[in-house]
Amino acid sequence: MRELGQTVVMVTHDPVAASYADGVVLVADGRLVDTLAKPDPARIAEAMRLLGEVR
C-alpha cells in the first residue's frame, strides 16, 4: 500500500499471516515487547514461543 500512502494494522496470533507484513510488533499485557523487521513465520513463531515462556 506504499503507493497509496496507507498503513494497514492487523492483529493476529498466526505467524504465517503476520509474515506477510513488512514488520511485526509483539505486544504482551498491553506493552510493546519486541519488533521484528521482515520476519518469516518460523522467526515469528519462535519470538511468540519465547514471549510465552517469559510471561
PDB file of N, CA and C in Angstrom:
ATOM      1  N   MET A   1       0.811  -1.188   0.000  1.00  0.00           N
ATOM      2  CA  MET A   1       0.000   0.000   0.000  1.00  0.00           C
ATOM      3  C   MET A   1       0.864   1.266   0.000  1.00  0.00           C
ATOM      4  N   ARG A   2       2.135   1.084  -0.186  1.00  0.00           N
ATOM      5  CA  ARG A   2       3.022   2.254  -0.184  1.00  0.00           C
ATOM      6  C   ARG A   2       2.629   3.261  -1.253  1.00  0.00           C
ATOM      7  N   GLU A   3       2.249   2.743  -2.417  1.00  0.00           N
ATOM      8  CA  GLU A   3       1.903   3.652  -3.500  1.00  0.00           C
ATOM      9  C   GLU A   3       0.657   4.479  -3.190  1.00  0.00           C
ATOM     10  N   LEU A   4      -0.155   4.016  -2.244  1.00  0.00           N
ATOM     11  CA  LEU A   4      -1.350   4.750  -1.845  1.00  0.00           C
ATOM     12  C   LEU A   4      -1.123   5.579  -0.578  1.00  0.00           C
ATOM     13  N   GLY A   5       0.051   5.442   0.034  1.00  0.00           N
ATOM     14  CA  GLY A   5       0.345   6.188   1.253  1.00  0.00           C
ATOM     15  C   GLY A   5      -0.497   5.738   2.432  1.00  0.00           C
ATOM     16  N   GLN A   6      -0.800   4.446   2.487  1.00  0.00           N
ATOM     17  CA  GLN A   6      -1.654   3.922   3.539  1.00  0.00           C
ATOM     18  C   GLN A   6      -0.923   2.895   4.386  1.00  0.00           C
ATOM     19  N   THR A   7      -1.401   2.717   5.609  1.00  0.00           N
ATOM     20  CA  THR A   7      -0.883   1.714   6.529  1.00  0.00           C
ATOM     21  C   THR A   7      -2.024   0.800   6.929  1.00  0.00           C
ATOM     22  N   VAL A   8      -1.745  -0.492   6.984  1.00  0.00           N
ATOM     23  CA  VAL A   8      -2.730  -1.465   7.434  1.00  0.00           C
ATOM     24  C   VAL A   8      -2.220  -2.061   8.738  1.00  0.00           C
ATOM     25  N   VAL A   9      -3.074  -2.103   9.750  1.00  0.00           N
ATOM     26  CA  VAL A   9      -2.730  -2.714  11.028  1.00  0.00           C
ATOM     27  C   VAL A   9      -3.569  -3.985  11.159  1.00  0.00           C
ATOM     28  N   MET A  10      -2.887  -5.107  11.365  1.00  0.00           N
ATOM     29  CA  MET A  10      -3.566  -6.386  11.520  1.00  0.00           C
ATOM     30  C   MET A  10      -3.149  -6.982  12.859  1.00  0.00           C
ATOM     31  N   VAL A  11      -4.100  -7.498  13.600  1.00  0.00           N
ATOM     32  CA  VAL A  11      -3.816  -8.161  14.870  1.00  0.00           C
ATOM     33  C   VAL A  11      -4.072  -9.646  14.672  1.00  0.00           C
ATOM     34  N   THR A  12      -3.069 -10.483  14.962  1.00  0.00           N
ATOM     35  CA  THR A  12      -3.212 -11.913  14.760  1.00  0.00           C
ATOM     36  C   THR A  12      -2.262 -12.681  15.665  1.00  0.00           C
ATOM     37  N   HIS A  13      -2.599 -13.938  15.898  1.00  0.00           N
ATOM     38  CA  HIS A  13      -1.701 -14.864  16.590  1.00  0.00           C
ATOM     39  C   HIS A  13      -1.148 -15.877  15.601  1.00  0.00           C
ATOM     40  N   ASP A  14      -1.377 -15.651  14.316  1.00  0.00           N
ATOM     41  CA  ASP A  14      -0.970 -16.576  13.255  1.00  0.00           C
ATOM     42  C   ASP A  14       0.362 -16.114  12.653  1.00  0.00           C
ATOM     43  N   PRO A  15       1.446 -16.854  12.915  1.00  0.00           N
ATOM     44  CA  PRO A  15       2.757 -16.452  12.385  1.00  0.00           C
ATOM     45  C   PRO A  15       2.811 -16.371  10.860  1.00  0.00           C
ATOM     46  N   VAL A  16       2.074 -17.221  10.177  1.00  0.00           N
ATOM     47  CA  VAL A  16       2.078 -17.190   8.705  1.00  0.00           C
ATOM     48  C   VAL A  16       1.409 -15.906   8.213  1.00  0.00           C
ATOM     49  N   ALA A  17       0.266 -15.576   8.763  1.00  0.00           N
ATOM     50  CA  ALA A  17      -0.414 -14.339   8.365  1.00  0.00           C
ATOM     51  C   ALA A  17       0.459 -13.125   8.687  1.00  0.00           C
ATOM     52  N   ALA A  18       1.076 -13.118   9.856  1.00  0.00           N
ATOM     53  CA  ALA A  18       1.919 -11.991  10.267  1.00  0.00           C
ATOM     54  C   ALA A  18       3.135 -11.827   9.369  1.00  0.00           C
ATOM     55  N   SER A  19       3.615 -12.920   8.791  1.00  0.00           N
ATOM     56  CA  SER A  19       4.830 -12.861   7.974  1.00  0.00           C
ATOM     57  C   SER A  19       4.637 -12.079   6.677  1.00  0.00           C
ATOM     58  N   TYR A  20       3.406 -11.804   6.287  1.00  0.00           N
ATOM     59  CA  TYR A  20       3.160 -11.008   5.085  1.00  0.00           C
ATOM     60  C   TYR A  20       3.446  -9.525   5.320  1.00  0.00           C
ATOM     61  N   ALA A  21       3.573  -9.132   6.567  1.00  0.00           N
ATOM     62  CA  ALA A  21       3.808  -7.727   6.901  1.00  0.00           C
ATOM     63  C   ALA A  21       5.280  -7.354   6.727  1.00  0.00           C
ATOM     64  N   ASP A  22       5.526  -6.069   6.541  1.00  0.00           N
ATOM     65  CA  ASP A  22       6.903  -5.574   6.481  1.00  0.00           C
ATOM     66  C   ASP A  22       7.569  -5.654   7.845  1.00  0.00           C
ATOM     67  N   GLY A  23       6.765  -5.560   8.893  1.00  0.00           N
ATOM     68  CA  GLY A  23       7.290  -5.622  10.246  1.00  0.00           C
ATOM     69  C   GLY A  23       6.234  -6.143  11.195  1.00  0.00           C
ATOM     70  N   VAL A  24       6.685  -6.712  12.295  1.00  0.00           N
ATOM     71  CA  VAL A  24       5.792  -7.274  13.301  1.00  0.00           C
ATOM     72  C   VAL A  24       6.119  -6.637  14.643  1.00  0.00           C
ATOM     73  N   VAL A  25       5.090  -6.258  15.369  1.00  0.00           N
ATOM     74  CA  VAL A  25       5.238  -5.702  16.710  1.00  0.00           C
ATOM     75  C   VAL A  25       4.623  -6.716  17.673  1.00  0.00           C
ATOM     76  N   LEU A  26       5.393  -7.159  18.656  1.00  0.00           N
ATOM     77  CA  LEU A  26       4.889  -8.099  19.650  1.00  0.00           C
ATOM     78  C   LEU A  26       4.479  -7.317  20.891  1.00  0.00           C
ATOM     79  N   VAL A  27       3.249  -7.574  21.338  1.00  0.00           N
ATOM     80  CA  VAL A  27       2.687  -6.884  22.484  1.00  0.00           C
ATOM     81  C   VAL A  27       2.243  -7.923  23.505  1.00  0.00           C
ATOM     82  N   ALA A  28       2.567  -7.695  24.770  1.00  0.00           N
ATOM     83  CA  ALA A  28       2.129  -8.572  25.857  1.00  0.00           C
ATOM     84  C   ALA A  28       1.632  -7.708  27.002  1.00  0.00           C
ATOM     85  N   ASP A  29       0.462  -8.018  27.487  1.00  0.00           N
ATOM     86  CA  ASP A  29      -0.125  -7.261  28.601  1.00  0.00           C
ATOM     87  C   ASP A  29      -0.170  -5.773  28.308  1.00  0.00           C
ATOM     88  N   GLY A  30      -0.447  -5.425  27.042  1.00  0.00           N
ATOM     89  CA  GLY A  30      -0.574  -4.025  26.653  1.00  0.00           C
ATOM     90  C   GLY A  30       0.736  -3.282  26.491  1.00  0.00           C
ATOM     91  N   ARG A  31       1.848  -4.007  26.535  1.00  0.00           N
ATOM     92  CA  ARG A  31       3.169  -3.362  26.412  1.00  0.00           C
ATOM     93  C   ARG A  31       3.924  -3.898  25.196  1.00  0.00           C
ATOM     94  N   LEU A  32       4.612  -2.997  24.511  1.00  0.00           N
ATOM     95  CA  LEU A  32       5.475  -3.384  23.401  1.00  0.00           C
ATOM     96  C   LEU A  32       6.657  -4.158  23.952  1.00  0.00           C
ATOM     97  N   VAL A  33       6.867  -5.374  23.467  1.00  0.00           N
ATOM     98  CA  VAL A  33       7.971  -6.174  23.982  1.00  0.00           C
ATOM     99  C   VAL A  33       9.038  -6.485  22.936  1.00  0.00           C
ATOM    100  N   ASP A  34       8.694  -6.380  21.644  1.00  0.00           N
ATOM    101  CA  ASP A  34       9.690  -6.669  20.616  1.00  0.00           C
ATOM    102  C   ASP A  34       9.160  -6.209  19.267  1.00  0.00           C
ATOM    103  N   THR A  35      10.064  -5.981  18.338  1.00  0.00           N
ATOM    104  CA  THR A  35       9.703  -5.709  16.949  1.00  0.00           C
ATOM    105  C   THR A  35      10.576  -6.579  16.059  1.00  0.00           C
ATOM    106  N   LEU A  36      10.010  -7.027  14.960  1.00  0.00           N
ATOM    107  CA  LEU A  36      10.733  -7.862  14.006  1.00  0.00           C
ATOM    108  C   LEU A  36      10.565  -7.253  12.623  1.00  0.00           C
ATOM    109  N   ALA A  37      11.662  -7.015  11.928  1.00  0.00           N
ATOM    110  CA  ALA A  37      11.615  -6.468  10.581  1.00  0.00           C
ATOM    111  C   ALA A  37      11.674  -7.603   9.561  1.00  0.00           C
ATOM    112  N   LYS A  38      10.745  -7.604   8.636  1.00  0.00           N
ATOM    113  CA  LYS A  38      10.679  -8.583   7.542  1.00  0.00           C
ATOM    114  C   LYS A  38      10.858 -10.023   8.039  1.00  0.00           C
ATOM    115  N   PRO A  39      10.077 -10.435   9.011  1.00  0.00           N
ATOM    116  CA  PRO A  39      10.256 -11.769   9.592  1.00  0.00           C
ATOM    117  C   PRO A  39       9.599 -12.866   8.770  1.00  0.00           C
ATOM    118  N   ASP A  40      10.119 -14.078   8.925  1.00  0.00           N
ATOM    119  CA  ASP A  40       9.475 -15.244   8.324  1.00  0.00           C
ATOM    120  C   ASP A  40       8.649 -15.932   9.413  1.00  0.00           C
ATOM    121  N   PRO A  41       7.739 -16.835   9.031  1.00  0.00           N
ATOM    122  CA  PRO A  41       6.862 -17.465  10.019  1.00  0.00           C
ATOM    123  C   PRO A  41       7.606 -18.158  11.163  1.00  0.00           C
ATOM    124  N   ALA A  42       8.716 -18.811  10.859  1.00  0.00           N
ATOM    125  CA  ALA A  42       9.471 -19.514  11.907  1.00  0.00           C
ATOM    126  C   ALA A  42      10.033 -18.534  12.933  1.00  0.00           C
ATOM    127  N   ARG A  43      10.525 -17.404  12.471  1.00  0.00           N
ATOM    128  CA  ARG A  43      11.079 -16.395  13.390  1.00  0.00           C
ATOM    129  C   ARG A  43       9.982 -15.798  14.272  1.00  0.00           C
ATOM    130  N   ILE A  44       8.822 -15.554  13.685  1.00  0.00           N
ATOM    131  CA  ILE A  44       7.701 -15.024  14.454  1.00  0.00           C
ATOM    132  C   ILE A  44       7.243 -16.043  15.491  1.00  0.00           C
ATOM    133  N   ALA A  45       7.102 -17.295  15.078  1.00  0.00           N
ATOM    134  CA  ALA A  45       6.663 -18.348  15.999  1.00  0.00           C
ATOM    135  C   ALA A  45       7.641 -18.499  17.158  1.00  0.00           C
ATOM    136  N   GLU A  46       8.930 -18.422  16.874  1.00  0.00           N
ATOM    137  CA  GLU A  46       9.942 -18.538  17.926  1.00  0.00           C
ATOM    138  C   GLU A  46       9.849 -17.358  18.898  1.00  0.00           C
ATOM    139  N   ALA A  47       9.670 -16.160  18.373  1.00  0.00           N
ATOM    140  CA  ALA A  47       9.534 -14.983  19.236  1.00  0.00           C
ATOM    141  C   ALA A  47       8.291 -15.109  20.108  1.00  0.00           C
ATOM    142  N   MET A  48       7.200 -15.621  19.538  1.00  0.00           N
ATOM    143  CA  MET A  48       5.974 -15.812  20.310  1.00  0.00           C
ATOM    144  C   MET A  48       6.176 -16.884  21.381  1.00  0.00           C
ATOM    145  N   ARG A  49       6.899 -17.942  21.035  1.00  0.00           N
ATOM    146  CA  ARG A  49       7.170 -19.007  21.994  1.00  0.00           C
ATOM    147  C   ARG A  49       7.995 -18.477  23.170  1.00  0.00           C
ATOM    148  N   LEU A  50       9.042 -17.717  22.850  1.00  0.00           N
ATOM    149  CA  LEU A  50       9.886 -17.140  23.894  1.00  0.00           C
ATOM    150  C   LEU A  50       9.099 -16.174  24.776  1.00  0.00           C
ATOM    151  N   LEU A  51       8.223 -15.407  24.153  1.00  0.00           N
ATOM    152  CA  LEU A  51       7.392 -14.481  24.899  1.00  0.00           C
ATOM    153  C   LEU A  51       6.494 -15.250  25.876  1.00  0.00           C
ATOM    154  N   GLY A  52       5.964 -16.363  25.434  1.00  0.00           N
ATOM    155  CA  GLY A  52       5.116 -17.191  26.291  1.00  0.00           C
ATOM    156  C   GLY A  52       5.870 -17.738  27.483  1.00  0.00           C
ATOM    157  N   GLU A  53       7.158 -18.041  27.302  1.00  0.00           N
ATOM    158  CA  GLU A  53       7.977 -18.550  28.395  1.00  0.00           C
ATOM    159  C   GLU A  53       8.309 -17.463  29.413  1.00  0.00           C
ATOM    160  N   VAL A  54       8.436 -16.239  28.936  1.00  0.00           N
ATOM    161  CA  VAL A  54       8.790 -15.123  29.809  1.00  0.00           C
ATOM    162  C   VAL A  54       7.618 -14.741  30.691  1.00  0.00           C
ATOM    163  N   ARG A  55       6.430 -14.822  30.165  1.00  0.00           N
ATOM    164  CA  ARG A  55       5.237 -14.406  30.908  1.00  0.00           C
ATOM    165  C   ARG A  55       5.036 -15.348  32.027  1.00  0.00           C
TER     166      ARG A  55
END
